[in-house]
Amino acid sequence: MSDGFDYDGLAARITKALRGGGSRDDDFDDDDEPRGRRVPYDRFRRVNEENRQLREALEGLGGELNSLKEAQAKQFQELQEQAAQQVSAVRLQHDQDLELVEAGLSDKLGRQVLRQAWESAPKTQRGASPVEFWKQTIEAHKAHHADPDNVAAPSVARPLTPYLPVIEPPPDAGKGGSTSKQQLGSRGGPPPQGPGKRQPADISAVSTDSVEGFLSGLRALER
């Protein structure tokens, strides 16, 4: 384990103590008599009882030690799994940030707002990830501008509207009036000019050689 405690060494010492305690000459069963009767029977009986209690205590301690070792190993494994999940989450968020920057969300605040909007959106409508959710929003935004009469605008959180792409109108949009005038003028050449300013009549140009010529000249001036 990484905490520096030698669980295996302690377990080995406990096992050794248990084996050594069972081989001592002064370890008797309850009905055994002391050898040679040089020591009072009560003393041997008391030592035998103490040894028995010590073995039981060591056995219990060994079991607790094994349980503690297993619990520590399980906890360490869980910590490793949590660390791996956190690393994966950080890597996934980094990859998503790169895609969102390419899709117009160039600052951290915008990406945070998008993730909040994605989490609060219905699961059936938000897509598998914030990136997919934003791309779907952009596509719906473009579709609405292409056909505003038949395609509704997507529902976008107000802080995210500045990040939507600006869609320019078609080059010929708004020029229908001038185009119509050009078309009208091009059907038969340039449009007809209005009547010019009428020049004043000059009676001195009328012939006076005969009465008929003079009257004919006057009639021409009246036209």
C-alpha atoms as a PDB file:
ATOM      1  CA  MET A   1       0.000   0.000   0.000  1.00  0.00           C
ATOM      2  CA  SER A   2       1.062   3.553  -0.595  1.00  0.00           C
ATOM      3  CA  ASP A   3       0.489   4.655   3.044  1.00  0.00           C
ATOM      4  CA  GLY A   4       3.770   2.975   4.144  1.00  0.00           C
ATOM      5  CA  PHE A   5       2.205   0.529   6.620  1.00  0.00           C
ATOM      6  CA  ASP A   6       3.495  -3.053   6.301  1.00  0.00           C
ATOM      7  CA  TYR A   7       0.301  -5.086   6.581  1.00  0.00           C
ATOM      8  CA  ASP A   8       1.937  -8.237   5.273  1.00  0.00           C
ATOM      9  CA  GLY A   9       4.802  -7.974   7.766  1.00  0.00           C
ATOM     10  CA  LEU A  10       2.425  -7.545  10.699  1.00  0.00           C
ATOM     11  CA  ALA A  11       0.332 -10.488   9.533  1.00  0.00           C
ATOM     12  CA  ALA A  12       3.472 -12.640   9.338  1.00  0.00           C
ATOM     13  CA  ARG A  13       4.462 -11.673  12.875  1.00  0.00           C
ATOM     14  CA  ILE A  14       1.024 -12.533  14.193  1.00  0.00           C
ATOM     15  CA  THR A  15       1.107 -15.914  12.435  1.00  0.00           C
ATOM     16  CA  LYS A  16       4.553 -16.600  13.853  1.00  0.00           C
ATOM     17  CA  ALA A  17       3.376 -15.699  17.338  1.00  0.00           C
ATOM     18  CA  LEU A  18       0.431 -18.050  17.011  1.00  0.00           C
ATOM     19  CA  ARG A  19       2.628 -20.938  15.908  1.00  0.00           C
ATOM     20  CA  GLY A  20       5.240 -20.253  18.560  1.00  0.00           C
ATOM     21  CA  GLY A  21       2.671 -20.048  21.342  1.00  0.00           C
ATOM     22  CA  GLY A  22       1.331 -23.473  20.490  1.00  0.00           C
ATOM     23  CA  SER A  23       4.750 -25.142  20.849  1.00  0.00           C
ATOM     24  CA  ARG A  24       5.659 -23.846  24.329  1.00  0.00           C
ATOM     25  CA  ASP A  25       6.188 -26.462  27.056  1.00  0.00           C
ATOM     26  CA  ASP A  26       4.069 -24.545  29.508  1.00  0.00           C
ATOM     27  CA  ASP A  27       1.058 -24.554  27.136  1.00  0.00           C
ATOM     28  CA  PHE A  28      -1.414 -27.086  28.513  1.00  0.00           C
ATOM     29  CA  ASP A  29      -4.952 -28.093  27.886  1.00  0.00           C
ATOM     30  CA  ASP A  30      -7.415 -27.567  30.670  1.00  0.00           C
ATOM     31  CA  ASP A  31      -7.068 -31.163  31.920  1.00  0.00           C
ATOM     32  CA  ASP A  32      -3.257 -31.355  31.722  1.00  0.00           C
ATOM     33  CA  GLU A  33      -1.208 -31.695  34.889  1.00  0.00           C
ATOM     34  CA  PRO A  34       2.066 -29.765  35.281  1.00  0.00           C
ATOM     35  CA  ARG A  35       5.181 -31.843  34.703  1.00  0.00           C
ATOM     36  CA  GLY A  36       7.061 -32.930  37.805  1.00  0.00           C
ATOM     37  CA  ARG A  37       4.716 -30.899  40.006  1.00  0.00           C
ATOM     38  CA  ARG A  38       7.540 -28.528  40.770  1.00  0.00           C
ATOM     39  CA  VAL A  39       5.186 -25.571  40.068  1.00  0.00           C
ATOM     40  CA  PRO A  40       1.805 -25.256  41.728  1.00  0.00           C
ATOM     41  CA  TYR A  41      -1.040 -26.541  39.627  1.00  0.00           C
ATOM     42  CA  ASP A  42      -2.995 -23.292  39.855  1.00  0.00           C
ATOM     43  CA  ARG A  43      -0.118 -21.380  38.295  1.00  0.00           C
ATOM     44  CA  PHE A  44       0.107 -23.744  35.341  1.00  0.00           C
ATOM     45  CA  ARG A  45      -3.623 -23.616  34.890  1.00  0.00           C
ATOM     46  CA  ARG A  46      -3.535 -19.811  34.928  1.00  0.00           C
ATOM     47  CA  VAL A  47      -0.680 -19.716  32.385  1.00  0.00           C
ATOM     48  CA  ASN A  48      -2.515 -22.161  30.183  1.00  0.00           C
ATOM     49  CA  GLU A  49      -5.629 -19.973  30.291  1.00  0.00           C
ATOM     50  CA  GLU A  50      -3.617 -16.860  29.517  1.00  0.00           C
ATOM     51  CA  ASN A  51      -2.006 -18.572  26.541  1.00  0.00           C
ATOM     52  CA  ARG A  52      -5.389 -19.663  25.253  1.00  0.00           C
ATOM     53  CA  GLN A  53      -6.773 -16.147  25.556  1.00  0.00           C
ATOM     54  CA  LEU A  54      -3.683 -14.751  23.879  1.00  0.00           C
ATOM     55  CA  ARG A  55      -4.094 -17.124  20.930  1.00  0.00           C
ATOM     56  CA  GLU A  56      -7.725 -16.118  20.568  1.00  0.00           C
ATOM     57  CA  ALA A  57      -6.809 -12.432  20.717  1.00  0.00           C
ATOM     58  CA  LEU A  58      -4.087 -12.883  18.106  1.00  0.00           C
ATOM     59  CA  GLU A  59      -6.410 -14.849  15.850  1.00  0.00           C
ATOM     60  CA  GLY A  60      -9.014 -12.103  16.124  1.00  0.00           C
ATOM     61  CA  LEU A  61      -6.411  -9.459  15.468  1.00  0.00           C
ATOM     62  CA  GLY A  62      -5.211 -11.350  12.407  1.00  0.00           C
ATOM     63  CA  GLY A  63      -8.761 -11.472  11.051  1.00  0.00           C
ATOM     64  CA  GLU A  64      -9.249  -7.756  11.669  1.00  0.00           C
ATOM     65  CA  LEU A  65      -5.931  -7.053   9.985  1.00  0.00           C
ATOM     66  CA  ASN A  66      -6.952  -8.992   6.883  1.00  0.00           C
ATOM     67  CA  SER A  67     -10.290  -7.168   6.802  1.00  0.00           C
ATOM     68  CA  LEU A  68      -8.518  -3.843   7.135  1.00  0.00           C
ATOM     69  CA  LYS A  69      -6.098  -4.772   4.376  1.00  0.00           C
ATOM     70  CA  GLU A  70      -8.960  -5.733   2.046  1.00  0.00           C
ATOM     71  CA  ALA A  71     -10.830  -2.510   2.865  1.00  0.00           C
ATOM     72  CA  GLN A  72      -7.727  -0.425   2.188  1.00  0.00           C
ATOM     73  CA  ALA A  73      -7.136  -2.215  -1.114  1.00  0.00           C
ATOM     74  CA  LYS A  74     -10.754  -1.654  -2.159  1.00  0.00           C
ATOM     75  CA  GLN A  75     -10.591   2.012  -1.207  1.00  0.00           C
ATOM     76  CA  PHE A  76      -7.343   2.433  -3.124  1.00  0.00           C
ATOM     77  CA  GLN A  77      -8.898   0.814  -6.199  1.00  0.00           C
ATOM     78  CA  GLU A  78     -11.912   3.131  -5.968  1.00  0.00           C
ATOM     79  CA  LEU A  79      -9.586   6.144  -5.759  1.00  0.00           C
ATOM     80  CA  GLN A  80      -7.759   4.942  -8.854  1.00  0.00           C
ATOM     81  CA  GLU A  81     -11.051   4.532 -10.743  1.00  0.00           C
ATOM     82  CA  GLN A  82     -12.224   8.002  -9.685  1.00  0.00           C
ATOM     83  CA  ALA A  83      -8.926   9.524 -10.794  1.00  0.00           C
ATOM     84  CA  ALA A  84      -9.197   7.758 -14.154  1.00  0.00           C
ATOM     85  CA  GLN A  85     -12.764   9.033 -14.610  1.00  0.00           C
ATOM     86  CA  GLN A  86     -11.692  12.579 -13.784  1.00  0.00           C
ATOM     87  CA  VAL A  87      -8.832  12.408 -16.279  1.00  0.00           C
ATOM     88  CA  SER A  88     -11.213  11.099 -18.944  1.00  0.00           C
ATOM     89  CA  ALA A  89     -13.717  13.871 -18.185  1.00  0.00           C
ATOM     90  CA  VAL A  90     -11.015  16.550 -18.460  1.00  0.00           C
ATOM     91  CA  ARG A  91      -9.783  15.107 -21.749  1.00  0.00           C
ATOM     92  CA  LEU A  92     -13.336  14.917 -23.125  1.00  0.00           C
ATOM     93  CA  GLN A  93     -14.060  18.532 -22.132  1.00  0.00           C
ATOM     94  CA  HIS A  94     -10.817  19.665 -23.774  1.00  0.00           C
ATOM     95  CA  ASP A  95     -11.743  17.926 -27.030  1.00  0.00           C
ATOM     96  CA  GLN A  96     -15.234  19.432 -26.885  1.00  0.00           C
ATOM     97  CA  ASP A  97     -13.803  22.905 -26.281  1.00  0.00           C
ATOM     98  CA  LEU A  98     -11.717  22.631 -29.451  1.00  0.00           C
ATOM     99  CA  GLU A  99     -14.801  21.743 -31.504  1.00  0.00           C
ATOM    100  CA  LEU A 100     -16.876  24.503 -29.909  1.00  0.00           C
ATOM    101  CA  VAL A 101     -14.179  27.086 -30.646  1.00  0.00           C
ATOM    102  CA  GLU A 102     -14.323  26.071 -34.302  1.00  0.00           C
ATOM    103  CA  ALA A 103     -18.129  26.392 -34.145  1.00  0.00           C
ATOM    104  CA  GLY A 104     -17.979  30.005 -32.886  1.00  0.00           C
ATOM    105  CA  LEU A 105     -17.889  29.656 -29.091  1.00  0.00           C
ATOM    106  CA  SER A 106     -14.425  31.127 -28.721  1.00  0.00           C
ATOM    107  CA  ASP A 107     -14.554  32.120 -25.033  1.00  0.00           C
ATOM    108  CA  LYS A 108     -14.917  30.077 -21.851  1.00  0.00           C
ATOM    109  CA  LEU A 109     -18.048  31.884 -20.637  1.00  0.00           C
ATOM    110  CA  GLY A 110     -19.962  31.045 -23.805  1.00  0.00           C
ATOM    111  CA  ARG A 111     -19.029  27.375 -23.523  1.00  0.00           C
ATOM    112  CA  GLN A 112     -20.145  27.306 -19.881  1.00  0.00           C
ATOM    113  CA  VAL A 113     -23.516  28.812 -20.807  1.00  0.00           C
ATOM    114  CA  LEU A 114     -23.888  26.270 -23.605  1.00  0.00           C
ATOM    115  CA  ARG A 115     -23.226  23.358 -21.248  1.00  0.00           C
ATOM    116  CA  GLN A 116     -25.797  24.720 -18.794  1.00  0.00           C
ATOM    117  CA  ALA A 117     -28.335  25.079 -21.605  1.00  0.00           C
ATOM    118  CA  TRP A 118     -27.571  21.539 -22.773  1.00  0.00           C
ATOM    119  CA  GLU A 119     -28.054  20.078 -19.284  1.00  0.00           C
ATOM    120  CA  SER A 120     -31.385  21.866 -18.826  1.00  0.00           C
ATOM    121  CA  ALA A 121     -32.723  20.933 -22.283  1.00  0.00           C
ATOM    122  CA  PRO A 122     -34.930  17.824 -22.712  1.00  0.00           C
ATOM    123  CA  LYS A 123     -32.833  14.728 -23.320  1.00  0.00           C
ATOM    124  CA  THR A 124     -34.794  13.877 -26.451  1.00  0.00           C
ATOM    125  CA  GLN A 125     -33.922  17.230 -28.050  1.00  0.00           C
ATOM    126  CA  ARG A 126     -30.462  18.167 -26.828  1.00  0.00           C
ATOM    127  CA  GLY A 127     -28.332  15.550 -28.588  1.00  0.00           C
ATOM    128  CA  ALA A 128     -25.608  13.356 -27.121  1.00  0.00           C
ATOM    129  CA  SER A 129     -23.221  16.178 -26.164  1.00  0.00           C
ATOM    130  CA  PRO A 130     -23.009  19.988 -25.943  1.00  0.00           C
ATOM    131  CA  VAL A 131     -21.133  19.977 -29.263  1.00  0.00           C
ATOM    132  CA  GLU A 132     -23.925  18.111 -31.037  1.00  0.00           C
ATOM    133  CA  PHE A 133     -26.516  20.354 -29.376  1.00  0.00           C
ATOM    134  CA  TRP A 134     -24.775  23.522 -30.639  1.00  0.00           C
ATOM    135  CA  LYS A 135     -24.321  22.161 -34.166  1.00  0.00           C
ATOM    136  CA  GLN A 136     -28.018  21.290 -34.319  1.00  0.00           C
ATOM    137  CA  THR A 137     -28.850  24.828 -33.192  1.00  0.00           C
ATOM    138  CA  ILE A 138     -26.674  26.338 -35.915  1.00  0.00           C
ATOM    139  CA  GLU A 139     -28.266  24.143 -38.587  1.00  0.00           C
ATOM    140  CA  ALA A 140     -31.754  25.150 -37.423  1.00  0.00           C
ATOM    141  CA  HIS A 141     -30.649  28.802 -37.447  1.00  0.00           C
ATOM    142  CA  LYS A 142     -29.463  28.513 -41.066  1.00  0.00           C
ATOM    143  CA  ALA A 143     -32.600  26.670 -42.121  1.00  0.00           C
ATOM    144  CA  HIS A 144     -34.773  29.424 -40.639  1.00  0.00           C
ATOM    145  CA  HIS A 145     -32.927  32.144 -42.543  1.00  0.00           C
ATOM    146  CA  ALA A 146     -33.132  30.164 -45.769  1.00  0.00           C
ATOM    147  CA  ASP A 147     -36.920  29.763 -45.471  1.00  0.00           C
ATOM    148  CA  PRO A 148     -38.279  31.994 -42.687  1.00  0.00           C
ATOM    149  CA  ASP A 149     -41.898  31.506 -43.783  1.00  0.00           C
ATOM    150  CA  ASN A 150     -41.862  27.734 -43.313  1.00  0.00           C
ATOM    151  CA  VAL A 151     -39.058  27.039 -40.806  1.00  0.00           C
ATOM    152  CA  ALA A 152     -39.303  28.345 -37.258  1.00  0.00           C
ATOM    153  CA  ALA A 153     -36.284  29.917 -35.557  1.00  0.00           C
ATOM    154  CA  PRO A 154     -34.565  27.678 -32.978  1.00  0.00           C
ATOM    155  CA  SER A 155     -34.980  28.348 -29.277  1.00  0.00           C
ATOM    156  CA  VAL A 156     -31.649  29.765 -28.116  1.00  0.00           C
ATOM    157  CA  ALA A 157     -30.687  31.090 -24.706  1.00  0.00           C
ATOM    158  CA  ARG A 158     -30.213  34.842 -24.902  1.00  0.00           C
ATOM    159  CA  PRO A 159     -26.530  34.798 -23.852  1.00  0.00           C
ATOM    160  CA  LEU A 160     -25.825  32.441 -26.769  1.00  0.00           C
ATOM    161  CA  THR A 161     -27.434  34.507 -29.525  1.00  0.00           C
ATOM    162  CA  PRO A 162     -24.287  36.611 -30.188  1.00  0.00           C
ATOM    163  CA  TYR A 163     -22.431  33.375 -30.997  1.00  0.00           C
ATOM    164  CA  LEU A 164     -24.788  32.366 -33.799  1.00  0.00           C
ATOM    165  CA  PRO A 165     -23.285  32.829 -37.263  1.00  0.00           C
ATOM    166  CA  VAL A 166     -24.268  35.955 -39.189  1.00  0.00           C
ATOM    167  CA  ILE A 167     -26.025  34.921 -42.384  1.00  0.00           C
ATOM    168  CA  GLU A 168     -25.662  37.431 -45.241  1.00  0.00           C
ATOM    169  CA  PRO A 169     -28.650  37.942 -47.603  1.00  0.00           C
ATOM    170  CA  PRO A 170     -28.324  36.772 -51.226  1.00  0.00           C
ATOM    171  CA  PRO A 171     -26.479  39.217 -53.553  1.00  0.00           C
ATOM    172  CA  ASP A 172     -29.674  40.091 -55.535  1.00  0.00           C
ATOM    173  CA  ALA A 173     -31.884  40.537 -52.493  1.00  0.00           C
ATOM    174  CA  GLY A 174     -33.442  44.014 -52.199  1.00  0.00           C
ATOM    175  CA  LYS A 175     -32.660  45.000 -55.791  1.00  0.00           C
ATOM    176  CA  GLY A 176     -35.917  43.955 -57.424  1.00  0.00           C
ATOM    177  CA  GLY A 177     -37.026  47.535 -58.253  1.00  0.00           C
ATOM    178  CA  SER A 178     -33.873  48.561 -60.122  1.00  0.00           C
ATOM    179  CA  THR A 179     -33.731  45.209 -61.890  1.00  0.00           C
ATOM    180  CA  SER A 180     -37.283  45.638 -63.135  1.00  0.00           C
ATOM    181  CA  LYS A 181     -36.498  49.065 -64.551  1.00  0.00           C
ATOM    182  CA  GLN A 182     -33.471  47.722 -66.363  1.00  0.00           C
ATOM    183  CA  GLN A 183     -35.515  44.858 -67.746  1.00  0.00           C
ATOM    184  CA  LEU A 184     -38.195  47.260 -68.928  1.00  0.00           C
ATOM    185  CA  GLY A 185     -35.587  49.379 -70.670  1.00  0.00           C
ATOM    186  CA  SER A 186     -33.840  46.429 -72.300  1.00  0.00           C
ATOM    187  CA  ARG A 187     -36.882  44.950 -74.014  1.00  0.00           C
ATOM    188  CA  GLY A 188     -36.773  47.331 -76.938  1.00  0.00           C
ATOM    189  CA  GLY A 189     -33.469  49.079 -76.482  1.00  0.00           C
ATOM    190  CA  PRO A 190     -33.100  52.100 -74.241  1.00  0.00           C
ATOM    191  CA  PRO A 191     -36.301  53.540 -72.775  1.00  0.00           C
ATOM    192  CA  PRO A 192     -38.000  56.169 -74.933  1.00  0.00           C
ATOM    193  CA  GLN A 193     -37.085  59.742 -74.216  1.00  0.00           C
ATOM    194  CA  GLY A 194     -39.743  62.297 -73.339  1.00  0.00           C
ATOM    195  CA  PRO A 195     -40.769  65.062 -75.798  1.00  0.00           C
ATOM    196  CA  GLY A 196     -38.068  67.636 -76.310  1.00  0.00           C
ATOM    197  CA  LYS A 197     -38.480  71.368 -75.892  1.00  0.00           C
ATOM    198  CA  ARG A 198     -40.400  72.848 -78.828  1.00  0.00           C
ATOM    199  CA  GLN A 199     -38.479  75.389 -80.895  1.00  0.00           C
ATOM    200  CA  PRO A 200     -40.214  78.763 -81.607  1.00  0.00           C
ATOM    201  CA  ALA A 201     -41.709  79.233 -85.155  1.00  0.00           C
ATOM    202  CA  ASP A 202     -39.716  81.347 -87.608  1.00  0.00           C
ATOM    203  CA  ILE A 203     -42.104  83.087 -90.074  1.00  0.00           C
ATOM    204  CA  SER A 204     -39.216  84.518 -92.066  1.00  0.00           C
ATOM    205  CA  ALA A 205     -38.595  81.057 -93.506  1.00  0.00           C
ATOM    206  CA  VAL A 206     -42.067  81.005 -95.154  1.00  0.00           C
ATOM    207  CA  SER A 207     -41.942  81.464 -98.928  1.00  0.00           C
ATOM    208  CA  THR A 208     -43.717  84.515-100.303  1.00  0.00           C
ATOM    209  CA  ASP A 209     -43.374  83.661-103.972  1.00  0.00           C
ATOM    210  CA  SER A 210     -47.040  82.748-104.268  1.00  0.00           C
ATOM    211  CA  VAL A 211     -50.184  82.789-102.181  1.00  0.00           C
ATOM    212  CA  GLU A 212     -50.360  78.979-102.132  1.00  0.00           C
ATOM    213  CA  GLY A 213     -46.748  78.680-100.961  1.00  0.00           C
ATOM    214  CA  PHE A 214     -47.257  81.293 -98.275  1.00  0.00           C
ATOM    215  CA  LEU A 215     -50.373  79.510 -96.896  1.00  0.00           C
ATOM    216  CA  SER A 216     -48.628  76.156 -97.009  1.00  0.00           C
ATOM    217  CA  GLY A 217     -45.697  77.570 -95.042  1.00  0.00           C
ATOM    218  CA  LEU A 218     -48.000  78.965 -92.377  1.00  0.00           C
ATOM    219  CA  ARG A 219     -49.704  75.603 -91.972  1.00  0.00           C
ATOM    220  CA  ALA A 220     -46.293  73.967 -91.532  1.00  0.00           C
ATOM    221  CA  LEU A 221     -45.391  76.392 -88.742  1.00  0.00           C
ATOM    222  CA  GLU A 222     -48.580  75.534 -86.815  1.00  0.00           C
ATOM    223  CA  ARG A 223     -47.676  71.838 -86.569  1.00  0.00           C
END
